[in-house]
Amino acid sequence: MNNLHPNERLTIGISQMAPVWLDKEKTLAKIVAEIQQAGTQDCELLVFGEALLPGYPFWLELTDGAR
């Protein structure tokens, strides 16, 4: 459903940032800072990668590190 008037614009940002290795809290702090920065640039929707805040490397379960 499109609620925008034809003359209105929605400012969208895309963030490609790396998480802080094995540190979910610091990664979350980076995300918050990125959101705040985007807000200063009038960004209304900011999109992040789906695996930005996993808490551990995606491949860890494939190694002995997951046991």
PDB file of N, CA and C in Angstrom:
ATOM      1  N   MET A   1       0.845  -1.173   0.000  1.00  0.00           N
ATOM      2  CA  MET A   1       0.000   0.000   0.000  1.00  0.00           C
ATOM      3  C   MET A   1       0.890   1.235   0.000  1.00  0.00           C
ATOM      4  N   ASN A   2       0.678   2.094  -0.925  1.00  0.00           N
ATOM      5  CA  ASN A   2       1.488   3.302  -1.068  1.00  0.00           C
ATOM      6  C   ASN A   2       0.736   4.482  -0.464  1.00  0.00           C
ATOM      7  N   ASN A   3       1.263   5.018   0.637  1.00  0.00           N
ATOM      8  CA  ASN A   3       0.627   6.154   1.295  1.00  0.00           C
ATOM      9  C   ASN A   3       1.287   7.475   0.934  1.00  0.00           C
ATOM     10  N   LEU A   4       2.255   7.452   0.043  1.00  0.00           N
ATOM     11  CA  LEU A   4       2.937   8.677  -0.349  1.00  0.00           C
ATOM     12  C   LEU A   4       2.175   9.384  -1.461  1.00  0.00           C
ATOM     13  N   HIS A   5       2.109  10.662  -1.341  1.00  0.00           N
ATOM     14  CA  HIS A   5       1.567  11.486  -2.421  1.00  0.00           C
ATOM     15  C   HIS A   5       2.570  11.413  -3.569  1.00  0.00           C
ATOM     16  N   PRO A   6       2.139  11.469  -4.817  1.00  0.00           N
ATOM     17  CA  PRO A   6       3.076  11.359  -5.946  1.00  0.00           C
ATOM     18  C   PRO A   6       4.241  12.354  -5.896  1.00  0.00           C
ATOM     19  N   ASN A   7       4.069  13.479  -5.228  1.00  0.00           N
ATOM     20  CA  ASN A   7       5.144  14.472  -5.165  1.00  0.00           C
ATOM     21  C   ASN A   7       6.008  14.337  -3.918  1.00  0.00           C
ATOM     22  N   GLU A   8       5.705  13.381  -3.039  1.00  0.00           N
ATOM     23  CA  GLU A   8       6.498  13.171  -1.831  1.00  0.00           C
ATOM     24  C   GLU A   8       7.617  12.170  -2.108  1.00  0.00           C
ATOM     25  N   ARG A   9       8.679  12.318  -1.343  1.00  0.00           N
ATOM     26  CA  ARG A   9       9.809  11.397  -1.478  1.00  0.00           C
ATOM     27  C   ARG A   9      10.124  10.773  -0.128  1.00  0.00           C
ATOM     28  N   LEU A  10      10.613   9.567  -0.169  1.00  0.00           N
ATOM     29  CA  LEU A  10      11.055   8.849   1.014  1.00  0.00           C
ATOM     30  C   LEU A  10      12.562   8.680   0.887  1.00  0.00           C
ATOM     31  N   THR A  11      13.299   9.174   1.862  1.00  0.00           N
ATOM     32  CA  THR A  11      14.758   9.067   1.823  1.00  0.00           C
ATOM     33  C   THR A  11      15.168   7.747   2.463  1.00  0.00           C
ATOM     34  N   ILE A  12      15.816   6.899   1.670  1.00  0.00           N
ATOM     35  CA  ILE A  12      16.216   5.564   2.109  1.00  0.00           C
ATOM     36  C   ILE A  12      17.733   5.469   2.105  1.00  0.00           C
ATOM     37  N   GLY A  13      18.285   4.869   3.159  1.00  0.00           N
ATOM     38  CA  GLY A  13      19.724   4.638   3.239  1.00  0.00           C
ATOM     39  C   GLY A  13      20.009   3.151   3.339  1.00  0.00           C
ATOM     40  N   ILE A  14      21.148   2.751   2.809  1.00  0.00           N
ATOM     41  CA  ILE A  14      21.595   1.359   2.890  1.00  0.00           C
ATOM     42  C   ILE A  14      22.945   1.354   3.587  1.00  0.00           C
ATOM     43  N   SER A  15      23.053   0.583   4.654  1.00  0.00           N
ATOM     44  CA  SER A  15      24.296   0.524   5.414  1.00  0.00           C
ATOM     45  C   SER A  15      24.993  -0.809   5.170  1.00  0.00           C
ATOM     46  N   GLN A  16      26.238  -0.731   4.753  1.00  0.00           N
ATOM     47  CA  GLN A  16      27.063  -1.926   4.601  1.00  0.00           C
ATOM     48  C   GLN A  16      28.193  -1.805   5.609  1.00  0.00           C
ATOM     49  N   MET A  17      27.960  -2.294   6.800  1.00  0.00           N
ATOM     50  CA  MET A  17      28.963  -2.193   7.846  1.00  0.00           C
ATOM     51  C   MET A  17      29.286  -3.577   8.388  1.00  0.00           C
ATOM     52  N   ALA A  18      30.476  -3.713   8.915  1.00  0.00           N
ATOM     53  CA  ALA A  18      30.903  -4.983   9.492  1.00  0.00           C
ATOM     54  C   ALA A  18      30.615  -4.984  10.989  1.00  0.00           C
ATOM     55  N   PRO A  19      30.236  -6.133  11.538  1.00  0.00           N
ATOM     56  CA  PRO A  19      30.048  -6.210  12.982  1.00  0.00           C
ATOM     57  C   PRO A  19      31.398  -6.175  13.700  1.00  0.00           C
ATOM     58  N   VAL A  20      31.365  -5.872  14.988  1.00  0.00           N
ATOM     59  CA  VAL A  20      32.573  -5.980  15.812  1.00  0.00           C
ATOM     60  C   VAL A  20      32.720  -7.459  16.142  1.00  0.00           C
ATOM     61  N   TRP A  21      33.851  -8.024  15.803  1.00  0.00           N
ATOM     62  CA  TRP A  21      34.092  -9.461  15.906  1.00  0.00           C
ATOM     63  C   TRP A  21      33.713 -10.013  17.282  1.00  0.00           C
ATOM     64  N   LEU A  22      32.749 -10.897  17.325  1.00  0.00           N
ATOM     65  CA  LEU A  22      32.287 -11.610  18.515  1.00  0.00           C
ATOM     66  C   LEU A  22      31.833 -10.696  19.656  1.00  0.00           C
ATOM     67  N   ASP A  23      31.407  -9.482  19.351  1.00  0.00           N
ATOM     68  CA  ASP A  23      30.969  -8.547  20.395  1.00  0.00           C
ATOM     69  C   ASP A  23      29.630  -7.926  19.992  1.00  0.00           C
ATOM     70  N   LYS A  24      28.560  -8.559  20.443  1.00  0.00           N
ATOM     71  CA  LYS A  24      27.219  -8.120  20.063  1.00  0.00           C
ATOM     72  C   LYS A  24      26.898  -6.723  20.595  1.00  0.00           C
ATOM     73  N   GLU A  25      27.322  -6.416  21.811  1.00  0.00           N
ATOM     74  CA  GLU A  25      27.032  -5.103  22.399  1.00  0.00           C
ATOM     75  C   GLU A  25      27.711  -3.971  21.625  1.00  0.00           C
ATOM     76  N   LYS A  26      28.980  -4.165  21.253  1.00  0.00           N
ATOM     77  CA  LYS A  26      29.685  -3.130  20.484  1.00  0.00           C
ATOM     78  C   LYS A  26      29.112  -3.007  19.076  1.00  0.00           C
ATOM     79  N   THR A  27      28.693  -4.125  18.509  1.00  0.00           N
ATOM     80  CA  THR A  27      28.053  -4.077  17.193  1.00  0.00           C
ATOM     81  C   THR A  27      26.746  -3.300  17.278  1.00  0.00           C
ATOM     82  N   LEU A  28      25.979  -3.541  18.327  1.00  0.00           N
ATOM     83  CA  LEU A  28      24.730  -2.812  18.514  1.00  0.00           C
ATOM     84  C   LEU A  28      24.996  -1.314  18.676  1.00  0.00           C
ATOM     85  N   ALA A  29      26.061  -0.958  19.392  1.00  0.00           N
ATOM     86  CA  ALA A  29      26.429   0.455  19.546  1.00  0.00           C
ATOM     87  C   ALA A  29      26.781   1.074  18.191  1.00  0.00           C
ATOM     88  N   LYS A  30      27.471   0.314  17.333  1.00  0.00           N
ATOM     89  CA  LYS A  30      27.786   0.803  15.983  1.00  0.00           C
ATOM     90  C   LYS A  30      26.510   1.031  15.176  1.00  0.00           C
ATOM     91  N   ILE A  31      25.558   0.124  15.327  1.00  0.00           N
ATOM     92  CA  ILE A  31      24.292   0.248  14.607  1.00  0.00           C
ATOM     93  C   ILE A  31      23.544   1.498  15.058  1.00  0.00           C
ATOM     94  N   VAL A  32      23.492   1.718  16.365  1.00  0.00           N
ATOM     95  CA  VAL A  32      22.813   2.906  16.899  1.00  0.00           C
ATOM     96  C   VAL A  32      23.474   4.171  16.369  1.00  0.00           C
ATOM     97  N   ALA A  33      24.809   4.204  16.364  1.00  0.00           N
ATOM     98  CA  ALA A  33      25.527   5.375  15.844  1.00  0.00           C
ATOM     99  C   ALA A  33      25.223   5.589  14.362  1.00  0.00           C
ATOM    100  N   GLU A  34      25.124   4.503  13.617  1.00  0.00           N
ATOM    101  CA  GLU A  34      24.812   4.592  12.183  1.00  0.00           C
ATOM    102  C   GLU A  34      23.397   5.144  11.968  1.00  0.00           C
ATOM    103  N   ILE A  35      22.468   4.704  12.795  1.00  0.00           N
ATOM    104  CA  ILE A  35      21.093   5.206  12.710  1.00  0.00           C
ATOM    105  C   ILE A  35      21.054   6.695  13.030  1.00  0.00           C
ATOM    106  N   GLN A  36      21.777   7.097  14.071  1.00  0.00           N
ATOM    107  CA  GLN A  36      21.815   8.516  14.437  1.00  0.00           C
ATOM    108  C   GLN A  36      22.427   9.356  13.324  1.00  0.00           C
ATOM    109  N   GLN A  37      23.502   8.866  12.727  1.00  0.00           N
ATOM    110  CA  GLN A  37      24.149   9.584  11.626  1.00  0.00           C
ATOM    111  C   GLN A  37      23.197   9.717  10.440  1.00  0.00           C
ATOM    112  N   ALA A  38      22.502   8.641  10.122  1.00  0.00           N
ATOM    113  CA  ALA A  38      21.549   8.680   9.006  1.00  0.00           C
ATOM    114  C   ALA A  38      20.427   9.677   9.293  1.00  0.00           C
ATOM    115  N   GLY A  39      20.022   9.767  10.544  1.00  0.00           N
ATOM    116  CA  GLY A  39      18.981  10.716  10.917  1.00  0.00           C
ATOM    117  C   GLY A  39      19.398  12.158  10.702  1.00  0.00           C
ATOM    118  N   THR A  40      20.676  12.448  10.880  1.00  0.00           N
ATOM    119  CA  THR A  40      21.158  13.816  10.650  1.00  0.00           C
ATOM    120  C   THR A  40      21.140  14.169   9.170  1.00  0.00           C
ATOM    121  N   GLN A  41      21.042  13.146   8.316  1.00  0.00           N
ATOM    122  CA  GLN A  41      21.000  13.361   6.872  1.00  0.00           C
ATOM    123  C   GLN A  41      19.575  13.180   6.334  1.00  0.00           C
ATOM    124  N   ASP A  42      18.602  13.299   7.230  1.00  0.00           N
ATOM    125  CA  ASP A  42      17.179  13.199   6.879  1.00  0.00           C
ATOM    126  C   ASP A  42      16.786  11.847   6.295  1.00  0.00           C
ATOM    127  N   CYS A  43      17.505  10.805   6.660  1.00  0.00           N
ATOM    128  CA  CYS A  43      17.160   9.456   6.219  1.00  0.00           C
ATOM    129  C   CYS A  43      15.929   8.992   7.003  1.00  0.00           C
ATOM    130  N   GLU A  44      14.927   8.489   6.288  1.00  0.00           N
ATOM    131  CA  GLU A  44      13.686   8.042   6.917  1.00  0.00           C
ATOM    132  C   GLU A  44      13.607   6.524   7.071  1.00  0.00           C
ATOM    133  N   LEU A  45      14.388   5.811   6.283  1.00  0.00           N
ATOM    134  CA  LEU A  45      14.433   4.355   6.361  1.00  0.00           C
ATOM    135  C   LEU A  45      15.874   3.930   6.124  1.00  0.00           C
ATOM    136  N   LEU A  46      16.454   3.198   7.077  1.00  0.00           N
ATOM    137  CA  LEU A  46      17.832   2.732   6.954  1.00  0.00           C
ATOM    138  C   LEU A  46      17.820   1.212   6.963  1.00  0.00           C
ATOM    139  N   VAL A  47      18.441   0.616   5.964  1.00  0.00           N
ATOM    140  CA  VAL A  47      18.431  -0.829   5.790  1.00  0.00           C
ATOM    141  C   VAL A  47      19.816  -1.386   6.101  1.00  0.00           C
ATOM    142  N   PHE A  48      19.840  -2.465   6.903  1.00  0.00           N
ATOM    143  CA  PHE A  48      21.085  -3.148   7.261  1.00  0.00           C
ATOM    144  C   PHE A  48      21.068  -4.564   6.692  1.00  0.00           C
ATOM    145  N   GLY A  49      22.238  -5.166   6.581  1.00  0.00           N
ATOM    146  CA  GLY A  49      22.337  -6.557   6.148  1.00  0.00           C
ATOM    147  C   GLY A  49      21.691  -7.487   7.166  1.00  0.00           C
ATOM    148  N   GLU A  50      21.146  -8.580   6.697  1.00  0.00           N
ATOM    149  CA  GLU A  50      20.381  -9.477   7.561  1.00  0.00           C
ATOM    150  C   GLU A  50      21.213 -10.167   8.632  1.00  0.00           C
ATOM    151  N   ALA A  51      22.508 -10.312   8.437  1.00  0.00           N
ATOM    152  CA  ALA A  51      23.337 -11.031   9.402  1.00  0.00           C
ATOM    153  C   ALA A  51      24.260 -10.096  10.184  1.00  0.00           C
ATOM    154  N   LEU A  52      23.903  -8.832  10.277  1.00  0.00           N
ATOM    155  CA  LEU A  52      24.771  -7.866  10.952  1.00  0.00           C
ATOM    156  C   LEU A  52      24.890  -8.127  12.443  1.00  0.00           C
ATOM    157  N   LEU A  53      23.840  -8.569  13.100  1.00  0.00           N
ATOM    158  CA  LEU A  53      23.853  -8.730  14.551  1.00  0.00           C
ATOM    159  C   LEU A  53      23.584 -10.180  14.965  1.00  0.00           C
ATOM    160  N   PRO A  54      24.399 -11.120  14.509  1.00  0.00           N
ATOM    161  CA  PRO A  54      24.147 -12.509  14.858  1.00  0.00           C
ATOM    162  C   PRO A  54      24.697 -12.902  16.225  1.00  0.00           C
ATOM    163  N   GLY A  55      25.738 -12.219  16.684  1.00  0.00           N
ATOM    164  CA  GLY A  55      26.354 -12.587  17.951  1.00  0.00           C
ATOM    165  C   GLY A  55      27.512 -13.559  17.801  1.00  0.00           C
ATOM    166  N   TYR A  56      27.607 -14.218  16.680  1.00  0.00           N
ATOM    167  CA  TYR A  56      28.724 -15.121  16.414  1.00  0.00           C
ATOM    168  C   TYR A  56      28.861 -15.287  14.904  1.00  0.00           C
ATOM    169  N   PRO A  57      30.043 -15.709  14.440  1.00  0.00           N
ATOM    170  CA  PRO A  57      30.236 -15.883  12.995  1.00  0.00           C
ATOM    171  C   PRO A  57      29.304 -16.972  12.446  1.00  0.00           C
ATOM    172  N   PHE A  58      28.758 -16.738  11.280  1.00  0.00           N
ATOM    173  CA  PHE A  58      27.809 -17.684  10.686  1.00  0.00           C
ATOM    174  C   PHE A  58      28.421 -19.061  10.472  1.00  0.00           C
ATOM    175  N   TRP A  59      29.730 -19.129  10.274  1.00  0.00           N
ATOM    176  CA  TRP A  59      30.370 -20.402   9.967  1.00  0.00           C
ATOM    177  C   TRP A  59      30.794 -21.163  11.220  1.00  0.00           C
ATOM    178  N   LEU A  60      30.640 -20.581  12.406  1.00  0.00           N
ATOM    179  CA  LEU A  60      31.126 -21.209  13.630  1.00  0.00           C
ATOM    180  C   LEU A  60      30.460 -22.555  13.881  1.00  0.00           C
ATOM    181  N   GLU A  61      29.182 -22.679  13.538  1.00  0.00           N
ATOM    182  CA  GLU A  61      28.483 -23.941  13.770  1.00  0.00           C
ATOM    183  C   GLU A  61      29.022 -25.072  12.895  1.00  0.00           C
ATOM    184  N   LEU A  62      29.779 -24.751  11.866  1.00  0.00           N
ATOM    185  CA  LEU A  62      30.350 -25.771  10.989  1.00  0.00           C
ATOM    186  C   LEU A  62      31.703 -26.260  11.481  1.00  0.00           C
ATOM    187  N   THR A  63      32.196 -25.693  12.581  1.00  0.00           N
ATOM    188  CA  THR A  63      33.504 -26.058  13.123  1.00  0.00           C
ATOM    189  C   THR A  63      33.344 -26.658  14.511  1.00  0.00           C
ATOM    190  N   ASP A  64      34.444 -27.072  15.102  1.00  0.00           N
ATOM    191  CA  ASP A  64      34.413 -27.585  16.471  1.00  0.00           C
ATOM    192  C   ASP A  64      34.105 -26.483  17.479  1.00  0.00           C
ATOM    193  N   GLY A  65      34.203 -25.220  17.075  1.00  0.00           N
ATOM    194  CA  GLY A  65      33.929 -24.109  17.975  1.00  0.00           C
ATOM    195  C   GLY A  65      32.483 -24.043  18.427  1.00  0.00           C
ATOM    196  N   ALA A  66      31.594 -24.717  17.727  1.00  0.00           N
ATOM    197  CA  ALA A  66      30.178 -24.684  18.084  1.00  0.00           C
ATOM    198  C   ALA A  66      29.814 -25.762  19.099  1.00  0.00           C
ATOM    199  N   ARG A  67      30.735 -26.641  19.400  1.00  0.00           N
ATOM    200  CA  ARG A  67      30.424 -27.749  20.325  1.00  0.00           C
ATOM    201  C   ARG A  67      30.757 -27.399  21.735  1.00  0.00           C
TER     202      ARG A  67
END
